[in-house]
Amino acid sequence: MSTGDNGATAPAGGAGDTVPRAQVEGWWDTAITRIAPGEIELRGYPVERLIGAASFVDTVWLMLRGDLPDPHSAALLEAALVSAVDHGPQAPSIAAARMAATCGTGLNNAVATGVNLLGDVHGGAGQQCMEVLAGLVERARAGEDPREAARAVVAEHRAARRHVPGFGHRFHPRDPRRDPLLGLVAEAAEAGRVAGDHLAAALALEAALAEGRERPVPMNIDGATAVVYSELGFAPELGRGLFVLSRSVGILAHAWEERQAGTRIKGPIPRPLLAAYSGPPTREVPPRSR
């Protein structure tokens, strides 16, 4: 009989087969959390020592990055998370969560309904912008003129009839969240706390988008948070995850508010109204051939 280093075995697939205990325990090997009876450690820090000493934002950074952040990085991350919490009930993720809350689902189901709408089109522009900015920074570090590289990216997107992710807004002429977030990044760059490369790339893109137009196309929340998350060293996919984490707060608040209203089965438009119909007029069912 085969045993592990500690001599322990566990059942395997075939009759009489065994698997070393170390192999079983290593199946979900993780460097994030260690638990034992009466013990919980997050990245090596006992949770009872984190409680009251680390903020929620500190803990988000710890879980994703492996250690506690410095105060300046934590403040930048918190600013980005606060900025994207909500954008009103007309946002599809919020509207879907509110409708779900009127249909007898649990609050967790309503929140999940909203979160599940955060895809490439609604909620994914931040990650996409981070990827674009990473490419521009790489080109600048290779010696390419940042302004020319930005112009090339804008030309590529226009030729493909695609929006440059993170710029422009269907509702706000200038997203009110842009300036405070970029101001914080600029301060951090001046103080040497972040490199500022992604901020420079984003501003070059913004300038390139404005060329030849009467009205500029300023960064929106996706672009501004993309700058923050990129400067802080988060991977683009984590940028989307952080947006989902942030927006989940707004989704939860709206689902709870709708639940408290007590309305049942609330559809996308008020009950006296019906969706416009554009199909064929009323017609007879043809006789069935025998």
Protein backbone atom coordinates (compact mmCIF):
# COMPACT_ATOMS: atom_id res chain seq x y z
CA MET A 1 0.00 0.00 0.00
CA SER A 2 1.36 3.41 -1.00
CA THR A 3 1.42 6.11 1.68
CA GLY A 4 2.31 9.79 1.79
CA ASP A 5 5.26 11.31 3.61
CA ASN A 6 3.28 11.26 6.83
CA GLY A 7 2.10 7.73 6.21
CA ALA A 8 -1.56 8.75 5.76
CA THR A 9 -3.61 7.62 2.78
CA ALA A 10 -7.00 8.43 1.31
CA PRO A 11 -9.31 6.41 -0.99
CA ALA A 12 -8.68 6.74 -4.71
CA GLY A 13 -10.69 5.85 -7.78
CA GLY A 14 -10.24 2.11 -8.03
CA ALA A 15 -11.02 -0.52 -5.46
CA GLY A 16 -8.19 -0.78 -2.99
CA ASP A 17 -6.35 2.23 -4.46
CA THR A 18 -5.14 4.96 -2.15
CA VAL A 19 -3.95 8.54 -2.63
CA PRO A 20 -1.36 10.16 -0.37
CA ARG A 21 -2.93 12.57 2.10
CA ALA A 22 -0.61 15.35 0.91
CA GLN A 23 -1.98 14.97 -2.61
CA VAL A 24 -5.56 15.24 -1.35
CA GLU A 25 -4.83 18.29 0.78
CA GLY A 26 -2.93 19.86 -2.09
CA TRP A 27 -5.90 19.58 -4.44
CA TRP A 28 -7.07 23.09 -3.46
CA ASP A 29 -3.66 24.37 -2.42
CA THR A 30 -3.81 28.10 -1.61
CA ALA A 31 -1.44 30.79 -0.48
CA ILE A 32 -4.34 33.00 0.62
CA THR A 33 -5.93 31.47 3.69
CA ARG A 34 -4.81 29.03 6.37
CA ILE A 35 -7.39 27.64 8.75
CA ALA A 36 -7.15 25.26 11.68
CA PRO A 37 -9.37 24.71 14.71
CA GLY A 38 -9.58 28.13 16.34
CA GLU A 39 -7.26 29.74 13.79
CA ILE A 40 -7.80 31.82 10.64
CA GLU A 41 -4.93 33.52 8.86
CA LEU A 42 -5.18 35.74 5.77
CA ARG A 43 -1.89 35.77 3.85
CA GLY A 44 -0.18 34.88 7.11
CA TYR A 45 -1.86 37.53 9.26
CA PRO A 46 -4.09 36.18 12.07
CA VAL A 47 -7.55 37.57 11.38
CA GLU A 48 -8.05 38.59 15.01
CA ARG A 49 -5.08 40.94 14.66
CA LEU A 50 -6.36 42.40 11.39
CA ILE A 51 -9.75 43.19 12.94
CA GLY A 52 -9.64 46.78 14.08
CA ALA A 53 -6.14 47.30 12.66
CA ALA A 54 -6.71 46.91 8.92
CA SER A 55 -9.44 48.63 6.91
CA PHE A 56 -11.64 46.81 4.41
CA VAL A 57 -9.62 48.39 1.57
CA ASP A 58 -6.39 47.24 3.23
CA THR A 59 -7.82 43.74 3.34
CA VAL A 60 -8.89 43.84 -0.31
CA TRP A 61 -5.31 44.72 -1.23
CA LEU A 62 -3.96 42.03 1.10
CA MET A 63 -6.14 39.32 -0.40
CA LEU A 64 -5.37 40.26 -4.01
CA ARG A 65 -1.73 41.30 -3.73
CA GLY A 66 -0.35 39.26 -0.85
CA ASP A 67 0.51 41.94 1.70
CA LEU A 68 -0.88 45.07 3.31
CA PRO A 69 -0.64 48.28 1.26
CA ASP A 70 1.12 51.46 2.23
CA PRO A 71 -1.30 54.23 3.30
CA HIS A 72 -0.97 56.16 0.03
CA SER A 73 -1.77 53.13 -2.14
CA ALA A 74 -4.70 52.23 0.09
CA ALA A 75 -6.07 55.78 -0.23
CA LEU A 76 -5.87 55.66 -4.04
CA LEU A 77 -7.56 52.26 -4.16
CA GLU A 78 -10.30 53.46 -1.82
CA ALA A 79 -10.93 56.56 -3.96
CA ALA A 80 -11.39 54.40 -7.06
CA LEU A 81 -13.69 51.97 -5.29
CA VAL A 82 -15.83 54.80 -3.91
CA SER A 83 -16.11 56.47 -7.30
CA ALA A 84 -17.72 53.51 -9.05
CA VAL A 85 -20.22 52.42 -6.38
CA ASP A 86 -23.37 53.50 -8.22
CA HIS A 87 -24.77 55.28 -11.24
CA GLY A 88 -28.50 55.21 -10.59
CA PRO A 89 -31.38 52.82 -11.34
CA GLN A 90 -31.14 53.34 -15.09
CA ALA A 91 -27.87 51.36 -15.13
CA PRO A 92 -28.75 47.86 -16.42
CA SER A 93 -27.08 46.05 -13.52
CA ILE A 94 -28.98 48.16 -10.98
CA ALA A 95 -32.29 47.93 -12.84
CA ALA A 96 -32.02 44.15 -13.15
CA ALA A 97 -31.26 43.79 -9.45
CA ARG A 98 -34.26 45.93 -8.55
CA MET A 99 -36.57 43.91 -10.79
CA ALA A 100 -35.25 40.68 -9.33
CA ALA A 101 -35.91 41.99 -5.82
CA THR A 102 -39.63 42.33 -6.68
CA CYS A 103 -39.91 38.73 -7.88
CA GLY A 104 -39.61 36.92 -4.59
CA THR A 105 -35.94 36.08 -4.88
CA GLY A 106 -33.57 36.35 -1.95
CA LEU A 107 -31.44 39.45 -1.60
CA ASN A 108 -28.40 37.44 -2.62
CA ASN A 109 -30.18 36.37 -5.83
CA ALA A 110 -31.07 39.97 -6.64
CA VAL A 111 -27.47 41.08 -6.13
CA ALA A 112 -26.21 38.18 -8.24
CA THR A 113 -28.65 39.14 -11.00
CA GLY A 114 -27.15 42.62 -11.15
CA VAL A 115 -23.55 41.46 -10.92
CA ASN A 116 -24.09 38.94 -13.71
CA LEU A 117 -24.92 41.78 -16.10
CA LEU A 118 -21.45 43.30 -15.67
CA GLY A 119 -19.88 42.01 -18.87
CA ASP A 120 -17.81 43.34 -21.75
CA VAL A 121 -20.30 46.06 -22.72
CA HIS A 122 -21.62 47.12 -19.29
CA GLY A 123 -18.80 46.97 -16.78
CA GLY A 124 -15.91 45.77 -18.91
CA ALA A 125 -14.56 49.02 -20.32
CA GLY A 126 -12.21 49.54 -17.39
CA GLN A 127 -10.39 46.29 -18.03
CA GLN A 128 -10.29 47.05 -21.76
CA CYS A 129 -8.90 50.52 -21.09
CA MET A 130 -6.22 49.08 -18.82
CA GLU A 131 -5.15 46.80 -21.66
CA VAL A 132 -4.97 49.73 -24.08
CA LEU A 133 -2.97 51.81 -21.60
CA ALA A 134 -0.56 48.93 -20.97
CA GLY A 135 0.11 48.75 -24.70
CA LEU A 136 0.74 52.49 -24.91
CA VAL A 137 3.10 52.44 -21.95
CA GLU A 138 5.03 49.59 -23.52
CA ARG A 139 5.34 51.51 -26.78
CA ALA A 140 6.50 54.64 -24.95
CA ARG A 141 9.13 52.67 -23.05
CA ALA A 142 10.34 51.29 -26.37
CA GLY A 143 11.00 54.85 -27.50
CA GLU A 144 7.86 55.63 -29.52
CA ASP A 145 6.45 59.13 -29.22
CA PRO A 146 3.48 58.86 -26.81
CA ARG A 147 1.37 61.31 -28.80
CA GLU A 148 1.91 59.44 -32.06
CA ALA A 149 1.19 56.11 -30.38
CA ALA A 150 -2.05 57.52 -28.97
CA ARG A 151 -3.06 58.86 -32.37
CA ALA A 152 -2.41 55.43 -33.88
CA VAL A 153 -4.62 53.74 -31.27
CA VAL A 154 -7.44 56.22 -31.94
CA ALA A 155 -7.09 55.67 -35.70
CA GLU A 156 -7.19 51.90 -35.26
CA HIS A 157 -10.37 52.06 -33.20
CA ARG A 158 -12.06 54.46 -35.60
CA ALA A 159 -11.14 52.30 -38.59
CA ALA A 160 -12.73 49.34 -36.82
CA ARG A 161 -15.73 51.49 -35.83
CA ARG A 162 -15.08 50.80 -32.16
CA HIS A 163 -15.13 53.19 -29.22
CA VAL A 164 -11.88 53.71 -27.37
CA PRO A 165 -12.74 52.13 -24.00
CA GLY A 166 -12.76 54.47 -21.03
CA PHE A 167 -13.57 57.68 -22.92
CA GLY A 168 -16.81 59.57 -23.51
CA HIS A 169 -20.11 59.14 -21.72
CA ARG A 170 -23.63 58.76 -23.01
CA PHE A 171 -25.00 60.95 -20.20
CA HIS A 172 -22.25 63.19 -18.81
CA PRO A 173 -20.54 65.77 -21.06
CA ARG A 174 -17.68 65.46 -18.57
CA ASP A 175 -17.79 62.65 -16.04
CA PRO A 176 -17.69 64.30 -12.59
CA ARG A 177 -15.53 61.46 -11.28
CA ARG A 178 -12.71 62.05 -13.77
CA ASP A 179 -11.02 65.12 -12.31
CA PRO A 180 -10.78 64.11 -8.63
CA LEU A 181 -9.42 60.66 -9.48
CA LEU A 182 -6.85 61.92 -11.98
CA GLY A 183 -5.92 64.70 -9.57
CA LEU A 184 -5.08 62.14 -6.91
CA VAL A 185 -3.00 60.12 -9.36
CA ALA A 186 -1.17 63.26 -10.51
CA GLU A 187 -0.35 64.12 -6.89
CA ALA A 188 0.91 60.60 -6.30
CA ALA A 189 3.06 60.76 -9.43
CA GLU A 190 4.56 64.11 -8.41
CA ALA A 191 5.40 62.65 -5.01
CA GLY A 192 7.03 59.62 -6.62
CA ARG A 193 4.52 57.18 -5.16
CA VAL A 194 3.41 55.93 -8.61
CA ALA A 195 5.25 56.06 -11.92
CA GLY A 196 2.65 58.16 -13.75
CA ASP A 197 3.19 56.31 -17.05
CA HIS A 198 -0.40 55.14 -17.35
CA LEU A 199 -1.71 58.58 -16.45
CA ALA A 200 0.44 60.09 -19.20
CA ALA A 201 -0.79 57.49 -21.69
CA ALA A 202 -4.43 58.16 -20.78
CA LEU A 203 -3.99 61.93 -21.15
CA ALA A 204 -2.30 61.41 -24.53
CA LEU A 205 -5.27 59.30 -25.63
CA GLU A 206 -7.68 61.95 -24.41
CA ALA A 207 -5.80 64.60 -26.41
CA ALA A 208 -5.71 62.41 -29.52
CA LEU A 209 -9.46 61.81 -29.30
CA ALA A 210 -10.08 65.56 -29.10
CA GLU A 211 -8.09 66.38 -32.23
CA GLY A 212 -10.29 67.57 -35.09
CA ARG A 213 -13.42 67.71 -32.92
CA GLU A 214 -15.37 70.68 -31.64
CA ARG A 215 -16.12 68.90 -28.39
CA PRO A 216 -13.54 66.82 -26.48
CA VAL A 217 -14.06 63.21 -25.46
CA PRO A 218 -12.95 63.19 -21.82
CA MET A 219 -12.21 60.11 -19.77
CA ASN A 220 -15.16 58.51 -18.05
CA ILE A 221 -15.19 56.52 -14.80
CA ASP A 222 -13.85 53.43 -16.57
CA GLY A 223 -10.88 55.36 -17.91
CA ALA A 224 -10.16 57.16 -14.65
CA THR A 225 -10.30 54.00 -12.55
CA ALA A 226 -8.25 52.20 -15.20
CA VAL A 227 -5.52 54.78 -14.61
CA VAL A 228 -5.69 54.27 -10.84
CA TYR A 229 -5.66 50.48 -10.97
CA SER A 230 -2.90 50.43 -13.59
CA GLU A 231 -0.70 52.83 -11.61
CA LEU A 232 -1.23 50.67 -8.53
CA GLY A 233 -0.04 47.61 -10.44
CA PHE A 234 -3.27 45.61 -10.73
CA ALA A 235 -3.69 43.27 -13.70
CA PRO A 236 -6.42 44.37 -16.16
CA GLU A 237 -8.70 41.46 -15.27
CA LEU A 238 -8.45 42.42 -11.61
CA GLY A 239 -9.48 45.93 -12.69
CA ARG A 240 -12.81 44.50 -13.78
CA GLY A 241 -13.05 42.50 -10.58
CA LEU A 242 -12.50 45.62 -8.53
CA PHE A 243 -15.23 47.42 -10.49
CA VAL A 244 -17.59 44.52 -9.76
CA LEU A 245 -16.66 44.71 -6.08
CA SER A 246 -17.35 48.45 -6.03
CA ARG A 247 -20.61 48.34 -8.00
CA SER A 248 -21.88 45.47 -5.84
CA VAL A 249 -22.37 47.99 -3.04
CA GLY A 250 -24.74 50.06 -5.17
CA ILE A 251 -26.50 46.94 -6.44
CA LEU A 252 -27.06 45.77 -2.87
CA ALA A 253 -28.39 49.16 -1.78
CA HIS A 254 -30.84 49.40 -4.68
CA ALA A 255 -32.04 45.81 -4.30
CA TRP A 256 -32.65 46.41 -0.60
CA GLU A 257 -34.50 49.68 -1.27
CA GLU A 258 -36.73 47.97 -3.82
CA ARG A 259 -37.39 45.11 -1.43
CA GLN A 260 -38.52 47.58 1.25
CA ALA A 261 -41.01 49.18 -1.16
CA GLY A 262 -42.99 45.93 -1.24
CA THR A 263 -43.86 46.12 -4.94
CA ARG A 264 -44.37 42.74 -6.59
CA ILE A 265 -43.18 41.76 -10.06
CA LYS A 266 -42.02 45.18 -11.19
CA GLY A 267 -41.26 45.10 -14.91
CA PRO A 268 -39.03 47.32 -17.02
CA ILE A 269 -41.77 49.91 -17.70
CA PRO A 270 -44.78 51.16 -15.65
CA ARG A 271 -47.78 48.82 -15.67
CA PRO A 272 -50.13 51.14 -17.67
CA LEU A 273 -47.64 51.02 -20.54
CA LEU A 274 -46.79 48.18 -22.88
CA ALA A 275 -43.73 47.64 -25.01
CA ALA A 276 -44.24 48.73 -28.62
CA TYR A 277 -45.12 45.90 -30.99
CA SER A 278 -43.58 45.82 -34.45
CA GLY A 279 -44.62 42.35 -35.63
CA PRO A 280 -47.30 41.35 -38.16
CA PRO A 281 -50.92 42.43 -37.58
CA THR A 282 -53.43 40.06 -36.02
CA ARG A 283 -54.04 37.14 -38.40
CA GLU A 284 -55.97 33.91 -38.66
CA VAL A 285 -54.35 30.60 -37.96
CA PRO A 286 -54.43 28.63 -41.24
CA PRO A 287 -56.40 25.37 -41.18
CA ARG A 288 -54.31 22.37 -40.39
CA SER A 289 -53.73 20.10 -43.34
CA ARG A 290 -54.81 16.49 -42.85
